[in-house]
Amino acid sequence: MSAKKAELDLGNTVRDDRLMDDLAGLYIPLITPFTSDGALAVAALERLAHRVLDDGATGLVALGTTAEAATLTEQERAEVLRICDRVCQDRGVPLIAGAGTNDTARTAATIAELARYPSVRAALVVVPYYTRPGEAGVRAHFTALAEASHVPVVIYNIPYRTGQALSWHTLAALAELPGIAGVKHAAGSVDQDTMAMLAARPAGFSVLAGDDLYISPLLALGADGGILASAHVCTAAFASLIRLWRQGAAAEARAVGHRLLPVSQALFAEPNPVVIKSALFERGEIPSPAVRLPLLPASPAAAAAAVGAASSMESGLRLSPAV
């Protein structure tokens, strides 16, 4: 065993058989609901998790950016994982857990802790932010994590948050590693690297759209699904969008995508997830729209626009039944 592997092995973790054979479909990166006094709203989180699954989500993502994970205490993070794991066990669906930091050893330790949650089927790991280690450093980071992790790693490529671009040349090399399951792709556009990735990715490497505004074109180009914060609202429509594109029903899928675009635009009019929380609060699904600093609550105008966009879409769109 290499010195680097030994450093990151953290208890000689052995890769188990909970690998995701087909990382596809709609995954909801759950918000963390708070009470009006800022405490974790446990019951609301559990209800929301069940509701999005009832409405057609394939699985859940816990402790992503949308969850305000950076503001949660260690105890709160464990509670969120416990709740999501229990819901996913009850429903027989996969759970993806956010585990990335800009410290490789700390990320490996966080992934190792996920072994206590049976429904966790993959770890979502962001490209190292702020440090900007260069593409060689990014490649070394994910190689070490893939070797040490007991579950597959999903790379979260979001350069406008990390400050670190990730070319298809680097991603292609990582895609060949057996411990890398796929990528949550949020490049902010459909650029040449996106096109190359969807044209040339190896078998078994999944592409999940992470830019809600680009979900329909990415699915049209062959993406396998999405991790979509907008799908807290209009969940059934987003699930239908993914199903229709994957079935090759282009005309119907395109119509659904066009109608969902204003919903995503409204929900992302202010920093994520403040408008989503306000919309869920207005719809009676969470006890308050509270967020934690440095985020500020959504403006009344943004919240109203989001609720209006969702209501307009839901009242005007007929969806084909799931097959």
C-alpha atoms as a PDB file:
ATOM      1  CA  MET A   1       0.000   0.000   0.000  1.00  0.00           C
ATOM      2  CA  SER A   2       1.342   3.430  -0.879  1.00  0.00           C
ATOM      3  CA  ALA A   3       2.067   5.991   1.811  1.00  0.00           C
ATOM      4  CA  LYS A   4      -0.663   8.208   0.425  1.00  0.00           C
ATOM      5  CA  LYS A   5      -3.172   5.348   0.443  1.00  0.00           C
ATOM      6  CA  ALA A   6      -2.216   4.512   4.025  1.00  0.00           C
ATOM      7  CA  GLU A   7      -2.666   8.154   5.035  1.00  0.00           C
ATOM      8  CA  LEU A   8      -6.191   8.230   3.635  1.00  0.00           C
ATOM      9  CA  ASP A   9      -7.347   4.692   4.395  1.00  0.00           C
ATOM     10  CA  LEU A  10      -8.599   5.662   7.855  1.00  0.00           C
ATOM     11  CA  GLY A  11      -9.146   2.337   9.481  1.00  0.00           C
ATOM     12  CA  ASN A  12      -8.525   0.122   6.458  1.00  0.00           C
ATOM     13  CA  THR A  13     -11.963   0.830   5.035  1.00  0.00           C
ATOM     14  CA  VAL A  14     -12.917  -1.891   2.577  1.00  0.00           C
ATOM     15  CA  ARG A  15     -15.045  -1.007  -0.418  1.00  0.00           C
ATOM     16  CA  ASP A  16     -18.446  -2.679   0.006  1.00  0.00           C
ATOM     17  CA  ASP A  17     -20.976  -3.839  -2.559  1.00  0.00           C
ATOM     18  CA  ARG A  18     -23.364  -0.895  -2.267  1.00  0.00           C
ATOM     19  CA  LEU A  19     -22.262   0.408  -5.637  1.00  0.00           C
ATOM     20  CA  MET A  20     -24.652   2.265  -7.887  1.00  0.00           C
ATOM     21  CA  ASP A  21     -25.076   0.296 -11.094  1.00  0.00           C
ATOM     22  CA  ASP A  22     -27.082   3.017 -12.809  1.00  0.00           C
ATOM     23  CA  LEU A  23     -26.674   6.528 -11.445  1.00  0.00           C
ATOM     24  CA  ALA A  24     -29.582   8.069 -13.296  1.00  0.00           C
ATOM     25  CA  GLY A  25     -32.856   9.883 -12.717  1.00  0.00           C
ATOM     26  CA  LEU A  26     -33.882  12.759 -10.471  1.00  0.00           C
ATOM     27  CA  TYR A  27     -32.084  13.400  -7.195  1.00  0.00           C
ATOM     28  CA  ILE A  28     -33.265  16.135  -4.838  1.00  0.00           C
ATOM     29  CA  PRO A  29     -30.513  17.992  -2.933  1.00  0.00           C
ATOM     30  CA  LEU A  30     -32.640  18.550   0.137  1.00  0.00           C
ATOM     31  CA  ILE A  31     -32.800  21.868   1.908  1.00  0.00           C
ATOM     32  CA  THR A  32     -32.386  21.866   5.677  1.00  0.00           C
ATOM     33  CA  PRO A  33     -35.592  23.330   7.129  1.00  0.00           C
ATOM     34  CA  PHE A  34     -35.309  25.404  10.281  1.00  0.00           C
ATOM     35  CA  THR A  35     -37.858  26.503  12.835  1.00  0.00           C
ATOM     36  CA  SER A  36     -38.556  30.203  13.258  1.00  0.00           C
ATOM     37  CA  ASP A  37     -35.930  30.327  16.033  1.00  0.00           C
ATOM     38  CA  GLY A  38     -33.295  28.683  13.830  1.00  0.00           C
ATOM     39  CA  ALA A  39     -33.339  25.107  15.104  1.00  0.00           C
ATOM     40  CA  LEU A  40     -33.308  22.081  12.839  1.00  0.00           C
ATOM     41  CA  ALA A  41     -36.910  21.227  11.874  1.00  0.00           C
ATOM     42  CA  VAL A  42     -36.602  17.445  12.058  1.00  0.00           C
ATOM     43  CA  ALA A  43     -40.196  16.479  11.303  1.00  0.00           C
ATOM     44  CA  ALA A  44     -40.408  18.872   8.348  1.00  0.00           C
ATOM     45  CA  LEU A  45     -37.232  17.431   6.823  1.00  0.00           C
ATOM     46  CA  GLU A  46     -38.612  13.912   7.043  1.00  0.00           C
ATOM     47  CA  ARG A  47     -41.972  14.931   5.551  1.00  0.00           C
ATOM     48  CA  LEU A  48     -40.265  16.770   2.699  1.00  0.00           C
ATOM     49  CA  ALA A  49     -38.031  13.795   1.941  1.00  0.00           C
ATOM     50  CA  HIS A  50     -41.031  11.490   1.693  1.00  0.00           C
ATOM     51  CA  ARG A  51     -43.018  13.982  -0.388  1.00  0.00           C
ATOM     52  CA  VAL A  52     -40.399  14.432  -3.109  1.00  0.00           C
ATOM     53  CA  LEU A  53     -40.052  10.654  -3.359  1.00  0.00           C
ATOM     54  CA  ASP A  54     -43.841  10.328  -3.566  1.00  0.00           C
ATOM     55  CA  ASP A  55     -43.725  12.813  -6.452  1.00  0.00           C
ATOM     56  CA  GLY A  56     -41.249  10.801  -8.481  1.00  0.00           C
ATOM     57  CA  ALA A  57     -37.699  11.543  -7.302  1.00  0.00           C
ATOM     58  CA  THR A  58     -35.258   8.661  -7.749  1.00  0.00           C
ATOM     59  CA  GLY A  59     -33.305   9.424  -4.606  1.00  0.00           C
ATOM     60  CA  LEU A  60     -32.061  12.091  -2.229  1.00  0.00           C
ATOM     61  CA  VAL A  61     -28.889  14.105  -1.746  1.00  0.00           C
ATOM     62  CA  ALA A  62     -28.072  15.116   1.814  1.00  0.00           C
ATOM     63  CA  LEU A  63     -25.687  17.851   2.947  1.00  0.00           C
ATOM     64  CA  GLY A  64     -25.167  19.579  -0.370  1.00  0.00           C
ATOM     65  CA  THR A  65     -24.860  23.321  -0.904  1.00  0.00           C
ATOM     66  CA  THR A  66     -28.648  23.619  -0.963  1.00  0.00           C
ATOM     67  CA  ALA A  67     -28.715  22.127   2.548  1.00  0.00           C
ATOM     68  CA  GLU A  68     -26.609  25.030   3.901  1.00  0.00           C
ATOM     69  CA  ALA A  69     -24.265  22.278   5.060  1.00  0.00           C
ATOM     70  CA  ALA A  70     -21.468  24.739   5.825  1.00  0.00           C
ATOM     71  CA  THR A  71     -23.610  26.329   8.554  1.00  0.00           C
ATOM     72  CA  LEU A  72     -24.679  23.094  10.265  1.00  0.00           C
ATOM     73  CA  THR A  73     -23.058  21.812  13.430  1.00  0.00           C
ATOM     74  CA  GLU A  74     -21.572  18.322  13.468  1.00  0.00           C
ATOM     75  CA  GLN A  75     -24.576  17.160  15.485  1.00  0.00           C
ATOM     76  CA  GLU A  76     -26.984  18.671  12.965  1.00  0.00           C
ATOM     77  CA  ARG A  77     -25.142  17.108  10.048  1.00  0.00           C
ATOM     78  CA  ALA A  78     -25.382  13.703  11.707  1.00  0.00           C
ATOM     79  CA  GLU A  79     -29.093  14.231  12.369  1.00  0.00           C
ATOM     80  CA  VAL A  80     -29.775  15.206   8.758  1.00  0.00           C
ATOM     81  CA  LEU A  81     -27.953  12.093   7.556  1.00  0.00           C
ATOM     82  CA  ARG A  82     -29.804   9.913  10.052  1.00  0.00           C
ATOM     83  CA  ILE A  83     -33.192  11.200   8.886  1.00  0.00           C
ATOM     84  CA  CYS A  84     -32.388  10.906   5.192  1.00  0.00           C
ATOM     85  CA  ASP A  85     -30.901   7.446   5.671  1.00  0.00           C
ATOM     86  CA  ARG A  86     -34.024   6.259   7.493  1.00  0.00           C
ATOM     87  CA  VAL A  87     -36.329   7.629   4.787  1.00  0.00           C
ATOM     88  CA  CYS A  88     -34.242   6.052   2.023  1.00  0.00           C
ATOM     89  CA  GLN A  89     -34.182   2.706   3.822  1.00  0.00           C
ATOM     90  CA  ASP A  90     -37.963   2.835   4.250  1.00  0.00           C
ATOM     91  CA  ARG A  91     -38.447   3.668   0.570  1.00  0.00           C
ATOM     92  CA  GLY A  92     -35.721   1.462  -0.888  1.00  0.00           C
ATOM     93  CA  VAL A  93     -34.026   4.355  -2.724  1.00  0.00           C
ATOM     94  CA  PRO A  94     -30.420   5.577  -2.852  1.00  0.00           C
ATOM     95  CA  LEU A  95     -28.950   8.372  -0.783  1.00  0.00           C
ATOM     96  CA  ILE A  96     -26.021  10.458  -1.995  1.00  0.00           C
ATOM     97  CA  ALA A  97     -24.181  12.368   0.731  1.00  0.00           C
ATOM     98  CA  GLY A  98     -22.187  15.562   0.342  1.00  0.00           C
ATOM     99  CA  ALA A  99     -18.707  15.037   1.734  1.00  0.00           C
ATOM    100  CA  GLY A 100     -16.295  17.337  -0.076  1.00  0.00           C
ATOM    101  CA  THR A 101     -13.912  19.930   1.325  1.00  0.00           C
ATOM    102  CA  ASN A 102     -10.711  21.507   0.032  1.00  0.00           C
ATOM    103  CA  ASP A 103      -8.659  19.192   2.282  1.00  0.00           C
ATOM    104  CA  THR A 104      -8.141  15.697   0.868  1.00  0.00           C
ATOM    105  CA  ALA A 105      -7.478  13.982   4.213  1.00  0.00           C
ATOM    106  CA  ARG A 106     -10.507  15.617   5.875  1.00  0.00           C
ATOM    107  CA  THR A 107     -12.711  14.682   2.926  1.00  0.00           C
ATOM    108  CA  ALA A 108     -11.540  11.067   3.177  1.00  0.00           C
ATOM    109  CA  ALA A 109     -12.378  11.063   6.877  1.00  0.00           C
ATOM    110  CA  THR A 110     -15.836  12.459   6.162  1.00  0.00           C
ATOM    111  CA  ILE A 111     -16.479   9.793   3.531  1.00  0.00           C
ATOM    112  CA  ALA A 112     -15.348   7.067   5.933  1.00  0.00           C
ATOM    113  CA  GLU A 113     -17.951   8.252   8.455  1.00  0.00           C
ATOM    114  CA  LEU A 114     -20.689   7.631   5.897  1.00  0.00           C
ATOM    115  CA  ALA A 115     -20.272   3.879   6.399  1.00  0.00           C
ATOM    116  CA  ARG A 116     -22.641   4.083   9.359  1.00  0.00           C
ATOM    117  CA  TYR A 117     -25.531   5.074   7.064  1.00  0.00           C
ATOM    118  CA  PRO A 118     -26.659   2.014   5.066  1.00  0.00           C
ATOM    119  CA  SER A 119     -28.571   3.923   2.381  1.00  0.00           C
ATOM    120  CA  VAL A 120     -25.595   6.069   1.326  1.00  0.00           C
ATOM    121  CA  ARG A 121     -24.709   4.771  -2.125  1.00  0.00           C
ATOM    122  CA  ALA A 122     -22.282   7.481  -3.231  1.00  0.00           C
ATOM    123  CA  ALA A 123     -20.355  10.475  -1.892  1.00  0.00           C
ATOM    124  CA  LEU A 124     -20.745  13.816  -3.673  1.00  0.00           C
ATOM    125  CA  VAL A 125     -17.344  15.530  -3.594  1.00  0.00           C
ATOM    126  CA  VAL A 126     -16.833  19.046  -4.874  1.00  0.00           C
ATOM    127  CA  VAL A 127     -13.716  20.036  -6.807  1.00  0.00           C
ATOM    128  CA  PRO A 128     -11.458  21.604  -4.133  1.00  0.00           C
ATOM    129  CA  TYR A 129     -12.605  25.177  -3.680  1.00  0.00           C
ATOM    130  CA  TYR A 130     -10.595  28.319  -2.854  1.00  0.00           C
ATOM    131  CA  THR A 131      -7.259  26.460  -2.780  1.00  0.00           C
ATOM    132  CA  ARG A 132      -7.305  26.197  -6.593  1.00  0.00           C
ATOM    133  CA  PRO A 133      -4.785  23.323  -6.740  1.00  0.00           C
ATOM    134  CA  GLY A 134      -4.661  23.177 -10.549  1.00  0.00           C
ATOM    135  CA  GLU A 135      -5.926  20.292 -12.620  1.00  0.00           C
ATOM    136  CA  ALA A 136      -3.054  18.019 -11.613  1.00  0.00           C
ATOM    137  CA  GLY A 137      -3.908  18.625  -7.964  1.00  0.00           C
ATOM    138  CA  VAL A 138      -7.604  17.985  -8.632  1.00  0.00           C
ATOM    139  CA  ARG A 139      -6.726  14.716 -10.326  1.00  0.00           C
ATOM    140  CA  ALA A 140      -4.533  13.638  -7.387  1.00  0.00           C
ATOM    141  CA  HIS A 141      -7.287  14.643  -4.924  1.00  0.00           C
ATOM    142  CA  PHE A 142      -9.968  12.505  -6.564  1.00  0.00           C
ATOM    143  CA  THR A 143      -7.615   9.619  -7.256  1.00  0.00           C
ATOM    144  CA  ALA A 144      -6.734   9.391  -3.567  1.00  0.00           C
ATOM    145  CA  LEU A 145     -10.374   9.601  -2.528  1.00  0.00           C
ATOM    146  CA  ALA A 146     -11.504   6.989  -5.044  1.00  0.00           C
ATOM    147  CA  GLU A 147      -8.868   4.594  -3.716  1.00  0.00           C
ATOM    148  CA  ALA A 148      -9.841   5.132  -0.079  1.00  0.00           C
ATOM    149  CA  SER A 149     -13.637   5.355  -0.323  1.00  0.00           C
ATOM    150  CA  HIS A 150     -15.977   2.469   0.493  1.00  0.00           C
ATOM    151  CA  VAL A 151     -18.624   3.948  -1.831  1.00  0.00           C
ATOM    152  CA  PRO A 152     -18.293   5.480  -5.288  1.00  0.00           C
ATOM    153  CA  VAL A 153     -17.417   9.141  -5.612  1.00  0.00           C
ATOM    154  CA  VAL A 154     -19.470  11.581  -7.683  1.00  0.00           C
ATOM    155  CA  ILE A 155     -17.376  14.570  -8.733  1.00  0.00           C
ATOM    156  CA  TYR A 156     -19.130  17.915  -8.298  1.00  0.00           C
ATOM    157  CA  ASN A 157     -17.851  20.196 -11.044  1.00  0.00           C
ATOM    158  CA  ILE A 158     -19.023  23.752 -10.358  1.00  0.00           C
ATOM    159  CA  PRO A 159     -16.259  26.184 -11.333  1.00  0.00           C
ATOM    160  CA  TYR A 160     -18.169  29.379 -10.610  1.00  0.00           C
ATOM    161  CA  ARG A 161     -18.231  28.366  -6.923  1.00  0.00           C
ATOM    162  CA  THR A 162     -14.838  26.663  -6.664  1.00  0.00           C
ATOM    163  CA  GLY A 163     -12.710  28.970  -8.793  1.00  0.00           C
ATOM    164  CA  GLN A 164     -11.198  25.853 -10.353  1.00  0.00           C
ATOM    165  CA  ALA A 165     -11.989  24.857 -13.933  1.00  0.00           C
ATOM    166  CA  LEU A 166     -12.043  21.154 -14.744  1.00  0.00           C
ATOM    167  CA  SER A 167     -11.430  20.230 -18.363  1.00  0.00           C
ATOM    168  CA  TRP A 168     -12.742  17.107 -20.039  1.00  0.00           C
ATOM    169  CA  HIS A 169      -9.120  15.981 -20.433  1.00  0.00           C
ATOM    170  CA  THR A 170      -8.792  15.748 -16.637  1.00  0.00           C
ATOM    171  CA  LEU A 171     -12.318  14.511 -16.062  1.00  0.00           C
ATOM    172  CA  ALA A 172     -11.845  11.794 -18.682  1.00  0.00           C
ATOM    173  CA  ALA A 173      -8.831  10.438 -16.798  1.00  0.00           C
ATOM    174  CA  LEU A 174     -10.816  10.401 -13.550  1.00  0.00           C
ATOM    175  CA  ALA A 175     -13.790   8.774 -15.276  1.00  0.00           C
ATOM    176  CA  GLU A 176     -11.671   5.689 -15.944  1.00  0.00           C
ATOM    177  CA  LEU A 177     -11.079   5.070 -12.222  1.00  0.00           C
ATOM    178  CA  PRO A 178     -13.253   2.284 -10.765  1.00  0.00           C
ATOM    179  CA  GLY A 179     -14.085   4.373  -7.680  1.00  0.00           C
ATOM    180  CA  ILE A 180     -15.525   7.301  -9.673  1.00  0.00           C
ATOM    181  CA  ALA A 181     -19.233   6.862 -10.478  1.00  0.00           C
ATOM    182  CA  GLY A 182     -19.920  10.068 -12.366  1.00  0.00           C
ATOM    183  CA  VAL A 183     -20.143  13.815 -12.227  1.00  0.00           C
ATOM    184  CA  LYS A 184     -22.630  16.426 -11.129  1.00  0.00           C
ATOM    185  CA  HIS A 185     -21.988  18.866 -13.939  1.00  0.00           C
ATOM    186  CA  ALA A 186     -22.668  22.534 -13.276  1.00  0.00           C
ATOM    187  CA  ALA A 187     -20.315  24.350 -15.621  1.00  0.00           C
ATOM    188  CA  GLY A 188     -22.658  27.294 -16.132  1.00  0.00           C
ATOM    189  CA  SER A 189     -23.046  26.653 -19.860  1.00  0.00           C
ATOM    190  CA  VAL A 190     -23.067  23.960 -22.515  1.00  0.00           C
ATOM    191  CA  ASP A 191     -19.435  24.472 -23.498  1.00  0.00           C
ATOM    192  CA  GLN A 192     -17.026  22.423 -25.587  1.00  0.00           C
ATOM    193  CA  ASP A 193     -15.898  20.355 -22.602  1.00  0.00           C
ATOM    194  CA  THR A 194     -19.527  19.524 -21.851  1.00  0.00           C
ATOM    195  CA  MET A 195     -20.043  18.406 -25.426  1.00  0.00           C
ATOM    196  CA  ALA A 196     -16.853  16.324 -25.403  1.00  0.00           C
ATOM    197  CA  MET A 197     -17.813  14.698 -22.106  1.00  0.00           C
ATOM    198  CA  LEU A 198     -21.251  13.632 -23.308  1.00  0.00           C
ATOM    199  CA  ALA A 199     -19.827  12.368 -26.598  1.00  0.00           C
ATOM    200  CA  ALA A 200     -16.864  10.432 -25.235  1.00  0.00           C
ATOM    201  CA  ARG A 201     -17.490   9.403 -21.630  1.00  0.00           C
ATOM    202  CA  PRO A 202     -16.696   5.777 -20.817  1.00  0.00           C
ATOM    203  CA  ALA A 203     -19.346   3.183 -20.022  1.00  0.00           C
ATOM    204  CA  GLY A 204     -20.466   3.333 -16.409  1.00  0.00           C
ATOM    205  CA  PHE A 205     -19.641   7.013 -15.959  1.00  0.00           C
ATOM    206  CA  SER A 206     -22.853   8.933 -15.278  1.00  0.00           C
ATOM    207  CA  VAL A 207     -23.492  12.585 -16.000  1.00  0.00           C
ATOM    208  CA  LEU A 208     -26.016  14.309 -13.765  1.00  0.00           C
ATOM    209  CA  ALA A 209     -26.942  17.865 -14.651  1.00  0.00           C
ATOM    210  CA  GLY A 210     -26.394  20.272 -11.794  1.00  0.00           C
ATOM    211  CA  ASP A 211     -27.368  23.532 -13.529  1.00  0.00           C
ATOM    212  CA  ASP A 212     -31.149  23.636 -13.278  1.00  0.00           C
ATOM    213  CA  LEU A 213     -31.479  26.089 -16.164  1.00  0.00           C
ATOM    214  CA  TYR A 214     -29.603  23.694 -18.487  1.00  0.00           C
ATOM    215  CA  ILE A 215     -31.271  20.441 -17.482  1.00  0.00           C
ATOM    216  CA  SER A 216     -33.334  19.991 -20.653  1.00  0.00           C
ATOM    217  CA  PRO A 217     -30.505  20.591 -23.183  1.00  0.00           C
ATOM    218  CA  LEU A 218     -28.121  18.403 -21.195  1.00  0.00           C
ATOM    219  CA  LEU A 219     -30.668  15.592 -21.157  1.00  0.00           C
ATOM    220  CA  ALA A 220     -31.171  16.072 -24.883  1.00  0.00           C
ATOM    221  CA  LEU A 221     -27.420  15.598 -25.336  1.00  0.00           C
ATOM    222  CA  GLY A 222     -27.435  12.395 -23.312  1.00  0.00           C
ATOM    223  CA  ALA A 223     -27.117  13.266 -19.611  1.00  0.00           C
ATOM    224  CA  ASP A 224     -28.440  10.524 -17.318  1.00  0.00           C
ATOM    225  CA  GLY A 225     -30.448  12.736 -14.978  1.00  0.00           C
ATOM    226  CA  GLY A 226     -30.011  15.615 -12.618  1.00  0.00           C
ATOM    227  CA  ILE A 227     -29.377  16.763  -9.067  1.00  0.00           C
ATOM    228  CA  LEU A 228     -31.807  19.657  -9.135  1.00  0.00           C
ATOM    229  CA  ALA A 229     -32.639  22.055  -6.322  1.00  0.00           C
ATOM    230  CA  SER A 230     -35.548  23.483  -8.348  1.00  0.00           C
ATOM    231  CA  ALA A 231     -37.218  20.079  -8.135  1.00  0.00           C
ATOM    232  CA  HIS A 232     -38.189  20.709  -4.516  1.00  0.00           C
ATOM    233  CA  VAL A 233     -41.060  22.431  -6.328  1.00  0.00           C
ATOM    234  CA  CYS A 234     -42.856  20.792  -9.273  1.00  0.00           C
ATOM    235  CA  THR A 235     -41.061  17.532  -8.475  1.00  0.00           C
ATOM    236  CA  ALA A 236     -43.347  15.419 -10.649  1.00  0.00           C
ATOM    237  CA  ALA A 237     -42.739  17.654 -13.659  1.00  0.00           C
ATOM    238  CA  PHE A 238     -38.957  17.450 -13.313  1.00  0.00           C
ATOM    239  CA  ALA A 239     -39.178  13.666 -12.915  1.00  0.00           C
ATOM    240  CA  SER A 240     -41.316  13.534 -16.059  1.00  0.00           C
ATOM    241  CA  LEU A 241     -38.830  15.724 -17.946  1.00  0.00           C
ATOM    242  CA  ILE A 242     -36.000  13.282 -17.238  1.00  0.00           C
ATOM    243  CA  ARG A 243     -38.118  10.248 -18.033  1.00  0.00           C
ATOM    244  CA  LEU A 244     -39.330  11.687 -21.344  1.00  0.00           C
ATOM    245  CA  TRP A 245     -35.837  12.585 -22.576  1.00  0.00           C
ATOM    246  CA  ARG A 246     -34.523   9.162 -21.575  1.00  0.00           C
ATOM    247  CA  GLN A 247     -37.393   7.520 -23.454  1.00  0.00           C
ATOM    248  CA  GLY A 248     -36.641   9.560 -26.565  1.00  0.00           C
ATOM    249  CA  ALA A 249     -39.922  11.504 -26.490  1.00  0.00           C
ATOM    250  CA  ALA A 250     -38.198  14.676 -27.653  1.00  0.00           C
ATOM    251  CA  ALA A 251     -41.198  16.826 -28.567  1.00  0.00           C
ATOM    252  CA  GLU A 252     -43.019  16.191 -25.309  1.00  0.00           C
ATOM    253  CA  ALA A 253     -39.836  16.529 -23.267  1.00  0.00           C
ATOM    254  CA  ARG A 254     -38.996  19.814 -24.938  1.00  0.00           C
ATOM    255  CA  ALA A 255     -42.434  21.213 -24.066  1.00  0.00           C
ATOM    256  CA  VAL A 256     -42.049  20.223 -20.408  1.00  0.00           C
ATOM    257  CA  GLY A 257     -38.554  21.732 -20.292  1.00  0.00           C
ATOM    258  CA  HIS A 258     -39.773  25.024 -21.716  1.00  0.00           C
ATOM    259  CA  ARG A 259     -42.491  25.269 -19.085  1.00  0.00           C
ATOM    260  CA  LEU A 260     -40.092  24.441 -16.251  1.00  0.00           C
ATOM    261  CA  LEU A 261     -37.530  27.060 -17.244  1.00  0.00           C
ATOM    262  CA  PRO A 262     -39.397  30.008 -15.615  1.00  0.00           C
ATOM    263  CA  VAL A 263     -39.711  27.969 -12.420  1.00  0.00           C
ATOM    264  CA  SER A 264     -35.950  27.474 -12.165  1.00  0.00           C
ATOM    265  CA  GLN A 265     -35.304  31.087 -13.108  1.00  0.00           C
ATOM    266  CA  ALA A 266     -37.609  32.275 -10.324  1.00  0.00           C
ATOM    267  CA  LEU A 267     -36.183  29.886  -7.723  1.00  0.00           C
ATOM    268  CA  PHE A 268     -32.624  31.017  -8.480  1.00  0.00           C
ATOM    269  CA  ALA A 269     -33.373  34.740  -8.701  1.00  0.00           C
ATOM    270  CA  GLU A 270     -31.587  35.161  -5.357  1.00  0.00           C
ATOM    271  CA  PRO A 271     -28.858  33.056  -3.709  1.00  0.00           C
ATOM    272  CA  ASN A 272     -29.725  29.382  -3.365  1.00  0.00           C
ATOM    273  CA  PRO A 273     -31.679  28.135  -1.389  1.00  0.00           C
ATOM    274  CA  VAL A 274     -33.390  31.254  -0.041  1.00  0.00           C
ATOM    275  CA  VAL A 275     -36.161  31.440  -2.651  1.00  0.00           C
ATOM    276  CA  ILE A 276     -36.749  27.686  -2.554  1.00  0.00           C
ATOM    277  CA  LYS A 277     -37.231  27.869   1.205  1.00  0.00           C
ATOM    278  CA  SER A 278     -39.637  30.768   0.896  1.00  0.00           C
ATOM    279  CA  ALA A 279     -41.640  28.945  -1.767  1.00  0.00           C
ATOM    280  CA  LEU A 280     -41.836  25.791   0.362  1.00  0.00           C
ATOM    281  CA  PHE A 281     -42.906  27.866   3.355  1.00  0.00           C
ATOM    282  CA  GLU A 282     -45.624  29.608   1.340  1.00  0.00           C
ATOM    283  CA  ARG A 283     -46.839  26.189   0.211  1.00  0.00           C
ATOM    284  CA  GLY A 284     -47.030  25.008   3.836  1.00  0.00           C
ATOM    285  CA  GLU A 285     -44.270  22.408   3.607  1.00  0.00           C
ATOM    286  CA  ILE A 286     -41.762  23.813   6.094  1.00  0.00           C
ATOM    287  CA  PRO A 287     -42.339  25.775   9.311  1.00  0.00           C
ATOM    288  CA  SER A 288     -40.352  28.872   8.334  1.00  0.00           C
ATOM    289  CA  PRO A 289     -38.302  30.271   5.447  1.00  0.00           C
ATOM    290  CA  ALA A 290     -35.350  30.813   7.798  1.00  0.00           C
ATOM    291  CA  VAL A 291     -31.792  30.585   6.501  1.00  0.00           C
ATOM    292  CA  ARG A 292     -28.509  31.060   8.321  1.00  0.00           C
ATOM    293  CA  LEU A 293     -26.043  33.879   7.835  1.00  0.00           C
ATOM    294  CA  PRO A 294     -24.364  34.831   5.618  1.00  0.00           C
ATOM    295  CA  LEU A 295     -27.537  34.093   3.626  1.00  0.00           C
ATOM    296  CA  LEU A 296     -30.468  36.449   4.021  1.00  0.00           C
ATOM    297  CA  PRO A 297     -34.141  35.541   3.561  1.00  0.00           C
ATOM    298  CA  ALA A 298     -35.645  35.912   0.111  1.00  0.00           C
ATOM    299  CA  SER A 299     -37.323  39.176  -0.757  1.00  0.00           C
ATOM    300  CA  PRO A 300     -41.141  39.082  -0.772  1.00  0.00           C
ATOM    301  CA  ALA A 301     -41.129  39.819  -4.497  1.00  0.00           C
ATOM    302  CA  ALA A 302     -38.827  36.887  -5.296  1.00  0.00           C
ATOM    303  CA  ALA A 303     -40.848  34.515  -3.122  1.00  0.00           C
ATOM    304  CA  ALA A 304     -44.115  35.579  -4.737  1.00  0.00           C
ATOM    305  CA  ALA A 305     -42.667  35.233  -8.228  1.00  0.00           C
ATOM    306  CA  ALA A 306     -41.477  31.697  -7.504  1.00  0.00           C
ATOM    307  CA  VAL A 307     -44.802  30.580  -6.078  1.00  0.00           C
ATOM    308  CA  GLY A 308     -46.557  32.125  -9.040  1.00  0.00           C
ATOM    309  CA  ALA A 309     -44.278  30.445 -11.574  1.00  0.00           C
ATOM    310  CA  ALA A 310     -44.748  27.044  -9.951  1.00  0.00           C
ATOM    311  CA  SER A 311     -48.516  27.425  -9.719  1.00  0.00           C
ATOM    312  CA  SER A 312     -48.724  28.526 -13.351  1.00  0.00           C
ATOM    313  CA  MET A 313     -46.667  25.553 -14.508  1.00  0.00           C
ATOM    314  CA  GLU A 314     -48.610  23.032 -12.441  1.00  0.00           C
ATOM    315  CA  SER A 315     -51.985  24.308 -13.560  1.00  0.00           C
ATOM    316  CA  GLY A 316     -51.081  24.403 -17.237  1.00  0.00           C
ATOM    317  CA  LEU A 317     -49.101  21.207 -17.791  1.00  0.00           C
ATOM    318  CA  ARG A 318     -50.478  17.718 -18.242  1.00  0.00           C
ATOM    319  CA  LEU A 319     -47.910  15.001 -17.668  1.00  0.00           C
ATOM    320  CA  SER A 320     -47.829  11.569 -19.208  1.00  0.00           C
ATOM    321  CA  PRO A 321     -48.129   8.783 -16.630  1.00  0.00           C
ATOM    322  CA  ALA A 322     -44.895   7.186 -15.499  1.00  0.00           C
ATOM    323  CA  VAL A 323     -44.043   3.912 -17.146  1.00  0.00           C
END
